[in-house]
Amino acid sequence: MPELPEVEVVRAGLAPAVTGARITGVTVADDRALTRHRGDAASFEAALLGRRIVTAARRGKFLWLPLEGDADAMIAHLGMSGQLLLREPGAPHERHERIRLDIAHPTHGDLAVVLADQRTFGSLAVDPLIPTPDGAPGGWGTDAAKVPTQVAHIARDPLDPAFDDAALRRTLARKASAVKRVLLDQTVLSGVGNIYADEALWAARVHPETPATALSSRTANRLLHEIRFVLEKALAEGGTSFDAQYVNVNGQAGYFAHSLNAYGRTGQPCPRCGAAIVRVSFTNRSSHFCPRCQKPPRPRS
């Protein structure tokens, strides 16, 4: 599933093309791409047609395009394999095209924004905007202190200027569950998935099964630093692509996979100490770590 760097790459690619553009056409080719929309395809089309897009915003793994009037937005979640692509007007349909928005930009002219999704877990929706509880902007790419209702329960991500470091430390201090489980909880911090959790834990020398409450303040601070570092590095390298499912708005893959130290490197030597990276099952996922550098938690007495 695309994580923060991949979704931010898409948001940043969309922003210049959609900001200030007017939606001139909406074509829903597959209703399954509207699972998050409270209504049918006709209501989705009616809610968007003729509207002007204010900007492109993101919190965690959610994207949204605030609409003129400041009352609602089109939100997008890419699911496992969703792609938001920019295409020339009248471009041939993508192989797994689900929804197409035709837009007219005052500078860039006519364009199309296409949701393509091989596995149909991605979704678009029109959703009301509500005020943020802390009064800070809703996410990256917007100055408005508003967020879609379907995104309101998602915590801020570690790269958000309004992210509360002290609140995360307090949460870690009271959570007895494994630290990796806490990092993947999108109500605690958003945007971190399996890949970047494994990479940050490796960098911080923390075993994924360590109880969060067992982390010292120094270790918690180091872990947060490494989370930010790995997210920023992945963002600079265009995200992580293992196949053709994740691409940017122009259909290009990211190359952070070449910088991975733990994730997906089962049996390969740890770049730090040379021990073989191991993989263990973790709640329908897998954890990758170095058994020498990332010491397992001590059994509780």
Protein backbone atom coordinates (compact mmCIF):
# COMPACT_ATOMS: atom_id res chain seq x y z
CA MET A 1 0.00 0.00 0.00
CA PRO A 2 1.35 3.48 -0.80
CA GLU A 3 2.63 5.19 2.34
CA LEU A 4 3.33 8.86 3.09
CA PRO A 5 6.21 9.40 0.62
CA GLU A 6 4.34 7.79 -2.28
CA VAL A 7 1.12 9.72 -1.62
CA GLU A 8 3.01 12.98 -1.12
CA VAL A 9 4.79 12.50 -4.45
CA VAL A 10 1.36 12.13 -6.07
CA ARG A 11 -0.01 15.19 -4.24
CA ALA A 12 2.97 17.32 -5.23
CA GLY A 13 2.60 16.21 -8.83
CA LEU A 14 -1.10 17.00 -8.92
CA ALA A 15 -0.93 20.38 -7.19
CA PRO A 16 0.35 22.57 -10.05
CA ALA A 17 -2.07 21.00 -12.52
CA VAL A 18 -5.24 21.11 -10.41
CA THR A 19 -4.90 24.25 -8.28
CA GLY A 20 -7.29 26.79 -9.76
CA ALA A 21 -8.62 24.34 -12.36
CA ARG A 22 -12.32 23.91 -13.04
CA ILE A 23 -13.85 20.44 -13.39
CA THR A 24 -15.47 20.25 -16.82
CA GLY A 25 -16.28 16.56 -17.00
CA VAL A 26 -16.69 13.56 -14.67
CA THR A 27 -16.83 9.99 -15.97
CA VAL A 28 -17.33 7.09 -13.57
CA ALA A 29 -16.46 3.87 -15.38
CA ASP A 30 -16.62 1.64 -12.31
CA ASP A 31 -18.85 2.26 -9.29
CA ARG A 32 -16.49 0.21 -7.11
CA ALA A 33 -14.18 3.22 -7.07
CA LEU A 34 -16.84 5.14 -5.09
CA THR A 35 -16.97 2.93 -1.99
CA ARG A 36 -16.14 5.92 0.24
CA HIS A 37 -18.68 8.20 -1.45
CA ARG A 38 -22.01 8.68 0.32
CA GLY A 39 -24.14 8.37 -2.76
CA ASP A 40 -24.16 6.98 -6.28
CA ALA A 41 -22.17 7.84 -9.38
CA ALA A 42 -24.72 10.44 -10.45
CA SER A 43 -24.44 12.32 -7.14
CA PHE A 44 -20.63 12.17 -7.34
CA GLU A 45 -20.66 13.64 -10.82
CA ALA A 46 -23.20 16.32 -9.91
CA ALA A 47 -21.20 17.35 -6.82
CA LEU A 48 -18.06 17.96 -8.89
CA LEU A 49 -19.13 19.20 -12.30
CA GLY A 50 -18.33 22.88 -12.77
CA ARG A 51 -16.54 23.22 -9.43
CA ARG A 52 -13.14 24.92 -9.06
CA ILE A 53 -10.34 23.08 -7.24
CA VAL A 54 -8.59 25.21 -4.62
CA THR A 55 -5.47 23.10 -4.03
CA ALA A 56 -4.23 19.55 -3.41
CA ALA A 57 -3.83 18.53 0.25
CA ARG A 58 -2.69 15.44 2.13
CA ARG A 59 -2.70 13.97 5.59
CA GLY A 60 -1.02 10.59 6.03
CA LYS A 61 -2.15 8.36 3.17
CA PHE A 62 -5.22 10.47 2.29
CA LEU A 63 -5.35 13.08 -0.48
CA TRP A 64 -8.05 15.65 -0.94
CA LEU A 65 -8.86 18.44 -3.39
CA PRO A 66 -10.70 21.24 -1.54
CA LEU A 67 -13.40 22.76 -3.69
CA GLU A 68 -14.38 26.38 -4.09
CA GLY A 69 -16.82 27.40 -1.38
CA ASP A 70 -14.74 25.89 1.45
CA ALA A 71 -17.49 23.43 2.39
CA ASP A 72 -16.39 20.15 0.81
CA ALA A 73 -13.60 18.36 -1.02
CA MET A 74 -12.97 15.39 -3.25
CA ILE A 75 -10.97 12.88 -1.23
CA ALA A 76 -8.83 10.07 -2.59
CA HIS A 77 -7.42 6.96 -0.97
CA LEU A 78 -5.24 4.88 -3.26
CA GLY A 79 -5.75 1.58 -1.44
CA MET A 80 -3.31 -1.14 -2.50
CA SER A 81 -2.75 -0.25 -6.14
CA GLY A 82 -4.55 2.99 -6.97
CA GLN A 83 -2.89 5.53 -9.25
CA LEU A 84 -3.83 9.15 -9.90
CA LEU A 85 -2.46 10.05 -13.32
CA LEU A 86 -2.33 13.27 -15.31
CA ARG A 87 -3.16 12.79 -18.96
CA GLU A 88 -3.73 14.92 -22.04
CA PRO A 89 -7.39 15.60 -22.86
CA GLY A 90 -8.89 12.78 -24.87
CA ALA A 91 -6.02 10.42 -24.02
CA PRO A 92 -6.87 6.70 -24.45
CA HIS A 93 -8.35 4.99 -21.42
CA GLU A 94 -5.90 3.44 -19.00
CA ARG A 95 -6.00 -0.33 -18.68
CA HIS A 96 -7.56 -0.23 -15.20
CA GLU A 97 -9.26 3.15 -15.45
CA ARG A 98 -12.08 3.66 -12.93
CA ILE A 99 -12.81 7.42 -12.87
CA ARG A 100 -11.75 10.33 -15.08
CA LEU A 101 -12.01 14.04 -14.29
CA ASP A 102 -11.62 16.48 -17.15
CA ILE A 103 -10.28 19.81 -15.94
CA ALA A 104 -9.56 23.23 -17.45
CA HIS A 105 -6.62 25.10 -15.90
CA PRO A 106 -6.21 28.86 -16.53
CA THR A 107 -2.50 28.40 -17.33
CA HIS A 108 -1.97 24.77 -18.31
CA GLY A 109 -5.14 24.38 -20.36
CA ASP A 110 -7.17 21.18 -20.56
CA LEU A 111 -6.02 18.04 -18.72
CA ALA A 112 -7.47 14.81 -17.39
CA VAL A 113 -7.01 13.35 -13.90
CA VAL A 114 -7.45 9.58 -14.03
CA LEU A 115 -7.92 7.12 -11.19
CA ALA A 116 -6.58 3.77 -12.37
CA ASP A 117 -6.64 0.82 -10.00
CA GLN A 118 -5.83 -2.79 -10.74
CA ARG A 119 -7.22 -4.19 -7.49
CA THR A 120 -10.17 -1.77 -7.01
CA PHE A 121 -9.41 -0.93 -3.36
CA GLY A 122 -8.79 2.74 -4.15
CA SER A 123 -11.68 5.16 -3.91
CA LEU A 124 -12.76 8.73 -4.54
CA ALA A 125 -15.55 10.57 -2.72
CA VAL A 126 -16.99 14.02 -2.15
CA ASP A 127 -16.89 14.72 1.58
CA PRO A 128 -17.71 17.70 3.83
CA LEU A 129 -14.86 19.69 5.39
CA ILE A 130 -14.85 20.28 9.15
CA PRO A 131 -12.56 22.43 11.37
CA THR A 132 -9.39 20.86 12.75
CA PRO A 133 -9.52 20.53 16.57
CA ASP A 134 -6.12 22.22 17.02
CA GLY A 135 -6.81 25.10 14.64
CA ALA A 136 -3.77 24.23 12.49
CA PRO A 137 -3.95 23.61 8.72
CA GLY A 138 -5.55 20.29 7.83
CA GLY A 139 -2.44 18.87 6.19
CA TRP A 140 0.31 19.36 3.65
CA GLY A 141 -0.61 21.63 0.76
CA THR A 142 -3.35 23.65 2.44
CA ASP A 143 -3.46 26.65 4.76
CA ALA A 144 -7.10 26.02 5.67
CA ALA A 145 -7.73 24.68 9.17
CA LYS A 146 -10.19 22.15 7.78
CA VAL A 147 -10.12 18.45 7.03
CA PRO A 148 -12.60 16.04 5.36
CA THR A 149 -14.80 14.18 7.82
CA GLN A 150 -13.43 10.83 6.63
CA VAL A 151 -9.89 11.98 7.39
CA ALA A 152 -10.58 13.66 10.74
CA HIS A 153 -9.76 10.54 12.78
CA ILE A 154 -6.35 10.21 11.11
CA ALA A 155 -3.50 11.63 13.19
CA ARG A 156 -1.06 14.13 11.80
CA ASP A 157 2.04 12.67 10.20
CA PRO A 158 5.60 13.15 11.50
CA LEU A 159 6.47 15.63 8.72
CA ASP A 160 3.47 17.87 9.49
CA PRO A 161 4.62 21.14 11.14
CA ALA A 162 1.73 20.76 13.62
CA PHE A 163 2.76 17.22 14.66
CA ASP A 164 3.02 17.00 18.47
CA ASP A 165 6.27 15.23 19.42
CA ALA A 166 5.49 15.30 23.13
CA ALA A 167 2.08 13.71 22.57
CA LEU A 168 3.69 10.83 20.66
CA ARG A 169 6.19 10.27 23.47
CA ARG A 170 3.34 10.19 25.99
CA THR A 171 1.44 7.69 23.85
CA LEU A 172 4.48 5.42 23.53
CA ALA A 173 5.06 5.59 27.29
CA ARG A 174 1.61 4.19 28.07
CA LYS A 175 1.28 1.58 25.30
CA ALA A 176 2.20 -1.96 26.30
CA SER A 177 1.76 -3.31 22.75
CA ALA A 178 4.67 -3.84 20.36
CA VAL A 179 6.21 -0.59 19.15
CA LYS A 180 5.72 -1.52 15.50
CA ARG A 181 2.00 -2.00 16.10
CA VAL A 182 1.87 1.50 17.59
CA LEU A 183 3.73 3.00 14.62
CA LEU A 184 1.20 1.46 12.23
CA ASP A 185 -1.78 2.86 14.16
CA GLN A 186 -2.93 5.73 11.95
CA THR A 187 -4.75 7.34 14.90
CA VAL A 188 -1.38 7.72 16.69
CA LEU A 189 0.68 8.97 13.75
CA SER A 190 -0.21 8.70 10.11
CA GLY A 191 1.56 7.87 6.89
CA VAL A 192 3.88 5.19 8.29
CA GLY A 193 3.22 1.70 6.92
CA ASN A 194 5.10 -1.57 6.93
CA ILE A 195 8.05 -0.47 4.79
CA TYR A 196 8.95 2.69 6.65
CA ALA A 197 8.22 1.26 10.09
CA ASP A 198 10.73 -1.53 9.43
CA GLU A 199 13.30 0.94 8.08
CA ALA A 200 12.95 3.39 10.98
CA LEU A 201 13.13 0.63 13.60
CA TRP A 202 16.26 -0.75 11.92
CA ALA A 203 17.87 2.70 11.90
CA ALA A 204 16.99 3.26 15.57
CA ARG A 205 18.20 -0.27 16.54
CA VAL A 206 14.80 -1.11 18.05
CA HIS A 207 13.28 -4.59 17.78
CA PRO A 208 9.73 -4.38 16.32
CA GLU A 209 8.30 -6.45 19.20
CA THR A 210 9.68 -4.18 21.92
CA PRO A 211 6.79 -2.94 24.08
CA ALA A 212 6.35 0.76 23.38
CA THR A 213 6.24 1.49 27.09
CA ALA A 214 9.73 -0.03 27.47
CA LEU A 215 11.34 2.63 25.26
CA SER A 216 13.42 5.19 27.12
CA SER A 217 12.88 8.86 26.34
CA ARG A 218 16.18 8.90 24.47
CA THR A 219 15.21 5.87 22.37
CA ALA A 220 11.76 7.30 21.65
CA ASN A 221 13.34 10.55 20.46
CA ARG A 222 15.83 8.64 18.32
CA LEU A 223 13.05 6.58 16.78
CA LEU A 224 11.03 9.68 15.89
CA HIS A 225 14.14 11.22 14.35
CA GLU A 226 14.72 8.11 12.24
CA ILE A 227 11.07 7.98 11.15
CA ARG A 228 11.37 11.53 9.85
CA PHE A 229 14.72 10.85 8.22
CA VAL A 230 13.55 7.76 6.33
CA LEU A 231 10.33 9.47 5.21
CA GLU A 232 12.24 12.51 3.95
CA LYS A 233 14.81 10.35 2.14
CA ALA A 234 12.09 8.23 0.52
CA LEU A 235 10.25 11.39 -0.50
CA ALA A 236 13.40 12.79 -2.10
CA GLU A 237 13.82 9.55 -4.06
CA GLY A 238 10.23 9.49 -5.33
CA GLY A 239 8.94 6.77 -2.99
CA THR A 240 9.30 3.00 -3.07
CA SER A 241 8.28 0.97 -6.12
CA PHE A 242 8.55 -2.81 -6.22
CA ASP A 243 6.37 -3.18 -9.30
CA ALA A 244 4.33 -1.06 -11.68
CA GLN A 245 1.49 -0.52 -9.20
CA TYR A 246 2.95 2.57 -7.51
CA VAL A 247 3.85 5.40 -9.89
CA ASN A 248 3.72 9.18 -9.80
CA VAL A 249 1.22 11.25 -11.77
CA ASN A 250 3.33 10.84 -14.92
CA GLY A 251 3.52 7.06 -14.58
CA GLN A 252 7.11 6.99 -13.30
CA ALA A 253 8.31 4.68 -10.50
CA GLY A 254 10.17 5.79 -7.37
CA TYR A 255 13.62 4.39 -6.60
CA PHE A 256 13.86 4.30 -2.78
CA ALA A 257 13.75 0.47 -2.96
CA HIS A 258 17.48 0.66 -3.70
CA SER A 259 18.05 2.38 -0.33
CA LEU A 260 16.22 -0.14 1.86
CA ASN A 261 18.25 -1.59 4.74
CA ALA A 262 15.80 -4.11 6.21
CA TYR A 263 12.44 -4.32 4.45
CA GLY A 264 12.31 -7.04 1.80
CA ARG A 265 15.95 -8.05 2.39
CA THR A 266 15.37 -11.45 4.05
CA GLY A 267 18.59 -13.43 4.24
CA GLN A 268 20.74 -10.58 2.96
CA PRO A 269 23.49 -9.12 5.18
CA CYS A 270 22.61 -6.25 7.47
CA PRO A 271 24.35 -3.15 6.05
CA ARG A 272 25.47 -2.26 9.57
CA CYS A 273 26.77 -5.51 11.08
CA GLY A 274 26.59 -8.20 8.39
CA ALA A 275 24.10 -10.50 10.16
CA ALA A 276 21.35 -11.95 7.96
CA ILE A 277 18.12 -9.93 7.94
CA VAL A 278 15.21 -12.06 9.17
CA ARG A 279 11.51 -11.94 8.36
CA VAL A 280 8.73 -12.87 10.79
CA SER A 281 4.95 -12.82 10.42
CA PHE A 282 3.22 -9.81 11.92
CA THR A 283 -0.58 -9.41 11.87
CA ASN A 284 -1.08 -10.42 8.21
CA ARG A 285 2.13 -8.60 7.31
CA SER A 286 5.83 -9.27 7.85
CA SER A 287 8.50 -7.60 9.94
CA HIS A 288 12.08 -7.42 8.66
CA PHE A 289 14.90 -6.71 11.11
CA CYS A 290 18.47 -7.52 12.09
CA PRO A 291 18.58 -10.03 14.96
CA ARG A 292 21.99 -8.73 16.06
CA CYS A 293 21.51 -4.95 15.84
CA GLN A 294 17.89 -4.96 17.00
CA LYS A 295 17.97 -6.87 20.24
CA PRO A 296 14.70 -8.64 21.15
CA PRO A 297 12.87 -7.38 24.23
CA ARG A 298 13.71 -9.05 27.49
CA PRO A 299 11.04 -11.49 28.76
CA ARG A 300 8.85 -9.98 31.43
CA SER A 301 9.35 -11.44 34.87
